[in-house]
Amino acid sequence: ETLLGKRVDYSGRSVIVVGPLLSLHQCGLPREIAIELFQTFVIRGLIRQDVASNTGIAKRKIREKEPIVWEILQEVMQGHPVLLNRAPTLHRLGIQAFQPILVEGRAICLHPLVCKGFN
């Protein structure tokens, strides 16, 4: 039943690749994962900026990937670091916090010197 792991909210799974243009404290987060992780914050931002009047309209704007959604997502991500974990976490380098940066594609990008901790 839980052989392949349990599903939890506010988490994502992807492969990692080298992102040589990133700083040590940054990670490249794919747009698909970022919008899922920060969806509640983006919905709140859309309602606060009067772009949407309720959560249903806000979710539709997110599904349609309107440009204002990406602007609000950028603002939200500035104050929220993400934790990256490489199972099994046997030493402290297995889980680290990073400042997320939006990237295209489906892989999480890391600085080359940080990749060693994630094997």
Protein backbone atom coordinates (compact mmCIF):
# COMPACT_ATOMS: atom_id res chain seq x y z
CA GLU A 1 0.00 0.00 0.00
CA THR A 2 2.77 2.46 0.89
CA LEU A 3 5.62 0.60 -0.77
CA LEU A 4 6.35 3.43 -3.20
CA GLY A 5 5.82 6.16 -0.61
CA LYS A 6 2.96 8.18 0.76
CA ARG A 7 1.37 11.12 -1.02
CA VAL A 8 1.59 14.35 0.95
CA ASP A 9 0.52 17.91 0.25
CA TYR A 10 3.00 20.65 -0.64
CA SER A 11 5.56 18.29 -2.11
CA GLY A 12 6.84 17.38 -5.54
CA ARG A 13 9.17 14.85 -7.10
CA SER A 14 11.58 15.28 -9.99
CA VAL A 15 15.10 14.57 -11.18
CA ILE A 16 17.91 17.04 -10.55
CA VAL A 17 20.20 18.53 -13.18
CA VAL A 18 23.12 20.92 -13.02
CA GLY A 19 22.30 24.62 -13.30
CA PRO A 20 25.70 26.34 -13.56
CA LEU A 21 24.20 29.84 -13.63
CA LEU A 22 22.58 29.45 -10.20
CA SER A 23 24.08 30.64 -6.93
CA LEU A 24 24.82 28.15 -4.16
CA HIS A 25 21.65 29.14 -2.28
CA GLN A 26 19.32 28.91 -5.29
CA CYS A 27 17.52 26.05 -6.99
CA GLY A 28 15.71 26.09 -10.31
CA LEU A 29 12.12 25.01 -9.69
CA PRO A 30 10.00 23.94 -12.70
CA ARG A 31 6.87 26.03 -13.25
CA GLU A 32 4.58 22.98 -12.89
CA ILE A 33 5.96 22.12 -9.45
CA ALA A 34 6.11 25.74 -8.29
CA ILE A 35 2.48 26.48 -9.13
CA GLU A 36 1.40 23.34 -7.21
CA LEU A 37 3.54 24.14 -4.16
CA PHE A 38 2.51 27.79 -3.93
CA GLN A 39 -1.06 27.52 -5.25
CA THR A 40 -2.75 28.71 -2.05
CA PHE A 41 -0.46 31.76 -1.89
CA VAL A 42 -1.10 32.57 -5.56
CA ILE A 43 -4.87 32.29 -5.07
CA ARG A 44 -4.66 34.69 -2.13
CA GLY A 45 -2.54 37.08 -4.22
CA LEU A 46 -5.02 37.01 -7.11
CA ILE A 47 -7.90 37.81 -4.76
CA ARG A 48 -5.97 40.58 -2.94
CA GLN A 49 -5.07 42.27 -6.23
CA ASP A 50 -8.72 42.08 -7.36
CA VAL A 51 -7.79 39.91 -10.34
CA ALA A 52 -10.22 37.25 -9.07
CA SER A 53 -13.27 37.63 -6.86
CA ASN A 54 -13.25 34.09 -5.43
CA THR A 55 -11.15 30.94 -5.29
CA GLY A 56 -12.95 29.29 -8.22
CA ILE A 57 -12.08 32.14 -10.59
CA ALA A 58 -8.52 32.24 -9.21
CA LYS A 59 -8.06 28.50 -9.85
CA ARG A 60 -9.36 28.93 -13.41
CA LYS A 61 -6.82 31.71 -14.04
CA ILE A 62 -4.08 29.43 -12.73
CA ARG A 63 -5.23 26.56 -14.99
CA GLU A 64 -5.26 28.92 -18.00
CA LYS A 65 -1.73 30.08 -17.04
CA GLU A 66 -2.45 33.79 -17.39
CA PRO A 67 0.61 36.11 -17.23
CA ILE A 68 -0.50 37.72 -13.94
CA VAL A 69 -0.25 34.29 -12.28
CA TRP A 70 3.49 34.06 -13.00
CA GLU A 71 4.07 37.61 -11.69
CA ILE A 72 2.32 36.81 -8.41
CA LEU A 73 4.15 33.47 -8.19
CA GLN A 74 7.49 35.30 -8.50
CA GLU A 75 6.53 37.64 -5.63
CA VAL A 76 5.38 34.76 -3.44
CA MET A 77 8.51 32.69 -4.03
CA GLN A 78 10.81 35.50 -2.85
CA GLY A 79 9.87 34.99 0.80
CA HIS A 80 9.46 31.22 0.87
CA PRO A 81 12.47 28.89 0.69
CA VAL A 82 11.93 25.29 -0.41
CA LEU A 83 13.40 22.15 1.15
CA LEU A 84 15.00 19.59 -1.14
CA ASN A 85 15.38 16.07 0.22
CA ARG A 86 17.25 13.12 -1.25
CA ALA A 87 16.04 9.88 0.29
CA PRO A 88 17.35 8.16 2.26
CA THR A 89 18.42 11.13 4.37
CA LEU A 90 21.48 9.64 6.08
CA HIS A 91 23.49 12.83 6.61
CA ARG A 92 22.71 16.52 6.89
CA LEU A 93 23.52 17.24 3.24
CA GLY A 94 20.56 15.03 2.26
CA ILE A 95 18.07 17.80 3.06
CA GLN A 96 18.79 21.46 2.32
CA ALA A 97 16.85 24.73 1.94
CA PHE A 98 17.07 26.81 -1.24
CA GLN A 99 15.67 30.02 -2.67
CA PRO A 100 13.52 28.89 -5.63
CA ILE A 101 13.93 30.38 -9.11
CA LEU A 102 11.41 29.57 -11.86
CA VAL A 103 12.81 27.53 -14.74
CA GLU A 104 11.40 25.90 -17.86
CA GLY A 105 11.31 22.14 -18.18
CA ARG A 106 10.53 19.43 -15.66
CA ALA A 107 13.86 18.97 -13.81
CA ILE A 108 15.03 20.72 -10.64
CA CYS A 109 18.27 22.64 -11.28
CA LEU A 110 21.04 22.86 -8.67
CA HIS A 111 24.46 24.49 -8.54
CA PRO A 112 27.19 21.95 -9.46
CA LEU A 113 28.81 22.08 -6.00
CA VAL A 114 25.49 21.31 -4.29
CA CYS A 115 24.67 18.30 -6.49
CA LYS A 116 27.17 16.07 -4.66
CA GLY A 117 25.06 16.08 -1.49
CA PHE A 118 22.13 14.79 -3.52
CA ASN A 119 24.28 12.16 -5.29
